[in-house]
């Protein structure tokens, strides 16, 4: 679809990789490249319709999308982790990060774990137990078609057979009114930053951009998993790509 942007390339799609795409554009000033973070779903629609030259998405093309866009080539470009971010007022800057398990994360988004002082969260965080309040957990999710949501919900399904909803846009459990849906990774980050007692999911680069602490995860063997550039790279090296050059690493 070259030629949409005269003299250069126009890209759109994933808001999670938008900062990286914009950095790459600045690295090649002699060639005009612009990128707009519209969400993965919107990006795929734009490149399929010819209104963009390329798109970025954490979710690869589905079988039906591939069938209708035979001239589009998929290439692996970035490896980015999805981080769980939170806002618990009263926690000191020097406090250790929040510890969670895969089961607790599924429980939070399935509305089975609804309070910050849930005994299971308290038991996993002895160093900050006194700072975990008796307050409901507000969950932030994406309302737009989001590759980040696809990765996040794929992880929830891998963590628990009780979680079945996977995709770029899903119907989230919301019986207690503590679910908020916003558009774009930056909106999730800003919403968590400004909403006490909240939790959300964003790309690992977004946590650095907004200085938000990512939660740590404790494995069944008791090992603490920390999301950073090194652990993400090591995880990527240990997982083979699928035939369509995609991979979701959990």
Protein backbone atom coordinates (compact mmCIF):
# COMPACT_ATOMS: atom_id res chain seq x y z
CA UNK A 1 0.00 0.00 0.00
CA UNK A 2 2.94 2.36 -0.62
CA UNK A 3 2.10 5.85 -1.70
CA UNK A 4 -0.55 6.77 0.88
CA UNK A 5 1.83 9.32 2.36
CA UNK A 6 3.62 11.08 -0.52
CA UNK A 7 7.37 10.85 -0.12
CA UNK A 8 7.21 8.55 2.89
CA UNK A 9 5.24 6.00 4.88
CA UNK A 10 2.14 6.32 7.05
CA UNK A 11 1.64 3.76 9.81
CA UNK A 12 -1.00 3.22 12.47
CA UNK A 13 -2.16 0.65 15.00
CA UNK A 14 -0.90 -0.48 18.38
CA UNK A 15 -0.74 2.25 20.99
CA UNK A 16 1.65 0.07 23.02
CA UNK A 17 4.42 0.29 20.40
CA UNK A 18 3.65 3.88 19.34
CA UNK A 19 6.53 5.41 21.36
CA UNK A 20 8.99 2.94 19.79
CA UNK A 21 7.69 3.54 16.28
CA UNK A 22 8.02 7.27 16.79
CA UNK A 23 11.61 6.84 18.00
CA UNK A 24 12.40 4.82 14.87
CA UNK A 25 10.90 7.57 12.70
CA UNK A 26 13.21 10.14 14.30
CA UNK A 27 16.18 7.84 13.67
CA UNK A 28 15.69 8.13 9.88
CA UNK A 29 15.15 11.86 9.27
CA UNK A 30 15.98 11.60 5.56
CA UNK A 31 12.90 9.43 4.97
CA UNK A 32 9.48 10.61 6.06
CA UNK A 33 7.75 8.09 8.35
CA UNK A 34 4.77 8.92 10.54
CA UNK A 35 2.93 6.65 12.96
CA UNK A 36 -0.34 7.16 14.83
CA UNK A 37 -1.41 4.99 17.76
CA UNK A 38 -5.01 4.18 16.89
CA UNK A 39 -5.27 0.73 18.47
CA UNK A 40 -4.33 -2.58 16.87
CA UNK A 41 -7.77 -3.29 15.42
CA UNK A 42 -8.04 0.12 13.77
CA UNK A 43 -4.52 -0.25 12.42
CA UNK A 44 -5.29 -3.57 10.74
CA UNK A 45 -8.41 -2.06 9.18
CA UNK A 46 -6.40 0.93 7.92
CA UNK A 47 -3.69 -1.13 6.22
CA UNK A 48 -6.27 -3.51 4.73
CA UNK A 49 -8.23 -0.58 3.27
CA UNK A 50 -5.11 1.12 1.94
CA UNK A 51 -5.38 4.22 4.13
CA UNK A 52 -2.10 3.26 5.86
CA UNK A 53 1.10 1.75 4.47
CA UNK A 54 1.76 -0.44 7.50
CA UNK A 55 0.25 -1.28 10.85
CA UNK A 56 1.47 -2.68 14.16
CA UNK A 57 -0.55 -5.12 16.24
CA UNK A 58 0.18 -7.44 19.16
CA UNK A 59 -2.58 -9.67 17.77
CA UNK A 60 -1.67 -11.34 14.49
CA UNK A 61 -4.13 -11.52 11.59
CA UNK A 62 -6.92 -14.03 12.07
CA UNK A 63 -7.62 -16.66 9.42
CA UNK A 64 -10.50 -14.60 8.03
CA UNK A 65 -8.38 -11.42 7.99
CA UNK A 66 -5.60 -13.25 6.15
CA UNK A 67 -8.07 -14.57 3.60
CA UNK A 68 -9.33 -11.06 2.83
CA UNK A 69 -5.89 -9.40 2.82
CA UNK A 70 -3.71 -11.77 0.82
CA UNK A 71 -1.26 -9.03 -0.18
CA UNK A 72 -0.36 -8.09 3.41
CA UNK A 73 2.84 -9.57 4.86
CA UNK A 74 3.25 -10.15 8.61
CA UNK A 75 6.69 -9.67 10.16
CA UNK A 76 7.82 -9.85 13.80
CA UNK A 77 9.09 -6.42 14.82
CA UNK A 78 9.08 -5.91 18.60
CA UNK A 79 9.08 -7.98 21.77
CA UNK A 80 7.23 -6.05 24.49
CA UNK A 81 5.95 -7.29 27.82
CA UNK A 82 2.48 -6.52 29.16
CA UNK A 83 2.70 -5.17 32.70
CA UNK A 84 0.10 -5.03 35.46
CA UNK A 85 0.07 -1.57 37.04
CA UNK A 86 -1.66 -0.41 40.22
CA UNK A 87 -2.35 2.60 42.42
CA UNK A 88 -2.57 2.00 46.17
CA UNK A 89 -2.55 5.32 48.07
CA UNK A 90 -0.45 5.36 51.21
CA UNK A 91 2.21 3.02 49.91
CA UNK A 92 5.62 4.60 50.43
CA UNK A 93 7.82 5.17 47.38
CA UNK A 94 10.39 2.92 49.03
CA UNK A 95 7.85 0.12 49.57
CA UNK A 96 8.46 -3.20 47.79
CA UNK A 97 6.37 -3.78 44.63
CA UNK A 98 3.03 -5.52 44.90
CA UNK A 99 3.24 -9.30 44.56
CA UNK A 100 0.54 -11.21 42.72
CA UNK A 101 0.09 -14.72 41.40
CA UNK A 102 -1.45 -15.78 38.12
CA UNK A 103 -4.46 -17.10 40.03
CA UNK A 104 -4.94 -13.81 41.88
CA UNK A 105 -4.78 -11.81 38.65
CA UNK A 106 -7.46 -14.00 37.08
CA UNK A 107 -9.50 -13.66 40.29
CA UNK A 108 -9.26 -9.87 40.20
CA UNK A 109 -10.45 -9.59 36.60
CA UNK A 110 -13.11 -12.28 37.14
CA UNK A 111 -14.48 -10.34 40.16
CA UNK A 112 -13.60 -13.18 42.54
CA UNK A 113 -10.95 -11.06 44.29
CA UNK A 114 -12.50 -7.63 44.84
CA UNK A 115 -10.73 -6.03 47.84
CA UNK A 116 -7.13 -4.90 48.24
CA UNK A 117 -6.97 -6.47 51.69
CA UNK A 118 -8.14 -9.86 50.45
CA UNK A 119 -6.38 -12.43 52.69
CA UNK A 120 -4.71 -14.01 49.64
CA UNK A 121 -3.13 -10.68 48.60
CA UNK A 122 -2.13 -9.89 52.19
CA UNK A 123 -0.48 -13.30 52.65
CA UNK A 124 1.57 -12.78 49.50
CA UNK A 125 2.75 -9.31 50.59
CA UNK A 126 3.93 -9.46 54.23
CA UNK A 127 6.24 -6.46 53.79
CA UNK A 128 3.33 -4.15 52.80
CA UNK A 129 0.43 -5.97 54.48
CA UNK A 130 -0.28 -2.97 56.71
CA UNK A 131 -0.58 -0.72 53.65
CA UNK A 132 -3.19 -2.83 51.84
CA UNK A 133 -6.50 -1.05 52.49
CA UNK A 134 -10.00 -2.40 52.92
CA UNK A 135 -11.05 -0.82 49.64
CA UNK A 136 -12.58 -2.25 46.44
CA UNK A 137 -10.32 -2.82 43.44
CA UNK A 138 -11.18 -0.69 40.40
CA UNK A 139 -10.19 -2.48 37.16
CA UNK A 140 -9.22 -0.57 34.04
CA UNK A 141 -9.49 -2.26 30.63
CA UNK A 142 -9.41 -1.18 27.00
CA UNK A 143 -12.66 -0.36 25.20
CA UNK A 144 -11.06 -0.20 21.73
CA UNK A 145 -9.90 -3.17 19.65
CA UNK A 146 -6.55 -3.74 21.35
CA UNK A 147 -3.67 -6.12 20.74
CA UNK A 148 -2.62 -5.53 24.34
CA UNK A 149 -6.01 -6.88 25.44
CA UNK A 150 -5.51 -9.89 23.18
CA UNK A 151 -2.16 -10.67 24.84
CA UNK A 152 -3.52 -10.02 28.34
CA UNK A 153 -6.62 -12.18 27.93
CA UNK A 154 -4.55 -14.94 26.31
CA UNK A 155 -2.44 -14.93 29.48
CA UNK A 156 -5.54 -15.10 31.70
CA UNK A 157 -6.76 -18.11 29.74
CA UNK A 158 -3.35 -19.78 30.04
CA UNK A 159 -3.40 -19.12 33.80
CA UNK A 160 -6.85 -20.61 34.40
CA UNK A 161 -9.22 -22.95 32.56
CA UNK A 162 -12.08 -20.94 34.09
CA UNK A 163 -11.18 -17.92 31.95
CA UNK A 164 -12.46 -18.33 28.40
CA UNK A 165 -12.80 -14.86 26.88
CA UNK A 166 -9.86 -14.02 24.61
CA UNK A 167 -9.59 -11.34 21.94
CA UNK A 168 -8.83 -7.75 21.06
CA UNK A 169 -12.17 -6.66 22.55
CA UNK A 170 -14.15 -8.80 25.01
CA UNK A 171 -17.10 -8.55 27.38
CA UNK A 172 -15.57 -8.22 30.85
CA UNK A 173 -17.26 -9.35 34.09
CA UNK A 174 -18.76 -6.29 35.75
CA UNK A 175 -21.38 -6.94 38.38
CA UNK A 176 -19.94 -4.64 41.04
CA UNK A 177 -19.55 -1.51 38.90
CA UNK A 178 -15.79 -1.37 39.46
CA UNK A 179 -14.80 -1.81 35.82
CA UNK A 180 -13.77 1.18 33.71
CA UNK A 181 -13.07 0.94 29.96
CA UNK A 182 -10.87 3.53 28.22
CA UNK A 183 -9.24 3.94 24.81
CA UNK A 184 -5.50 3.45 24.33
CA UNK A 185 -2.60 2.32 26.52
CA UNK A 186 -1.82 5.87 27.62
CA UNK A 187 -5.42 6.32 28.82
CA UNK A 188 -5.14 3.16 30.92
CA UNK A 189 -1.90 4.42 32.46
CA UNK A 190 -3.25 7.91 33.16
CA UNK A 191 -6.50 6.49 34.56
CA UNK A 192 -4.64 4.22 36.98
CA UNK A 193 -2.31 7.07 37.91
CA UNK A 194 -5.27 9.30 38.84
CA UNK A 195 -7.62 6.68 40.29
CA UNK A 196 -6.91 5.47 43.83
CA UNK A 197 -7.16 1.71 44.49
CA UNK A 198 -7.06 0.80 40.80
CA UNK A 199 -5.31 -1.74 38.59
CA UNK A 200 -4.74 -2.04 34.84
CA UNK A 201 -2.58 -3.54 32.10
CA UNK A 202 -0.24 -1.74 29.67
CA UNK A 203 2.93 -2.32 27.70
CA UNK A 204 6.10 -2.39 29.77
CA UNK A 205 7.40 0.74 28.03
CA UNK A 206 4.30 2.64 29.19
CA UNK A 207 5.16 1.92 32.85
CA UNK A 208 8.46 3.75 32.34
CA UNK A 209 6.81 6.63 30.50
CA UNK A 210 4.40 7.29 33.39
CA UNK A 211 6.61 6.08 36.29
CA UNK A 212 4.04 3.48 37.33
CA UNK A 213 5.19 0.47 39.37
CA UNK A 214 4.55 -2.90 37.70
CA UNK A 215 3.41 -5.74 39.92
CA UNK A 216 5.70 -8.71 40.43
CA UNK A 217 4.48 -12.26 39.98
CA UNK A 218 5.17 -15.18 42.28
CA UNK A 219 5.31 -18.61 40.62
CA UNK A 220 3.97 -21.80 42.27
CA UNK A 221 7.57 -22.65 43.23
CA UNK A 222 7.91 -19.31 45.03
CA UNK A 223 10.13 -17.62 42.44
CA UNK A 224 9.48 -13.89 41.97
CA UNK A 225 9.14 -12.85 38.31
CA UNK A 226 10.08 -9.25 37.55
CA UNK A 227 9.13 -7.69 34.21
CA UNK A 228 12.01 -5.80 32.64
CA UNK A 229 14.01 -5.69 29.42
CA UNK A 230 16.26 -8.61 30.41
CA UNK A 231 13.49 -10.99 31.52
CA UNK A 232 11.39 -10.16 28.46
CA UNK A 233 14.32 -10.87 26.14
CA UNK A 234 15.12 -14.15 27.89
CA UNK A 235 11.48 -15.25 27.67
CA UNK A 236 11.36 -14.43 23.97
CA UNK A 237 14.46 -16.52 23.27
CA UNK A 238 12.89 -19.58 24.90
CA UNK A 239 9.66 -19.57 22.85
CA UNK A 240 9.54 -20.61 19.17
CA UNK A 241 7.53 -18.56 16.71
CA UNK A 242 4.34 -19.97 15.22
CA UNK A 243 4.10 -20.63 11.48
CA UNK A 244 2.68 -17.11 10.99
CA UNK A 245 5.69 -15.66 12.87
CA UNK A 246 3.60 -14.77 15.93
CA UNK A 247 4.00 -15.86 19.54
CA UNK A 248 2.24 -15.12 22.82
CA UNK A 249 4.63 -15.82 25.69
CA UNK A 250 3.11 -16.58 29.09
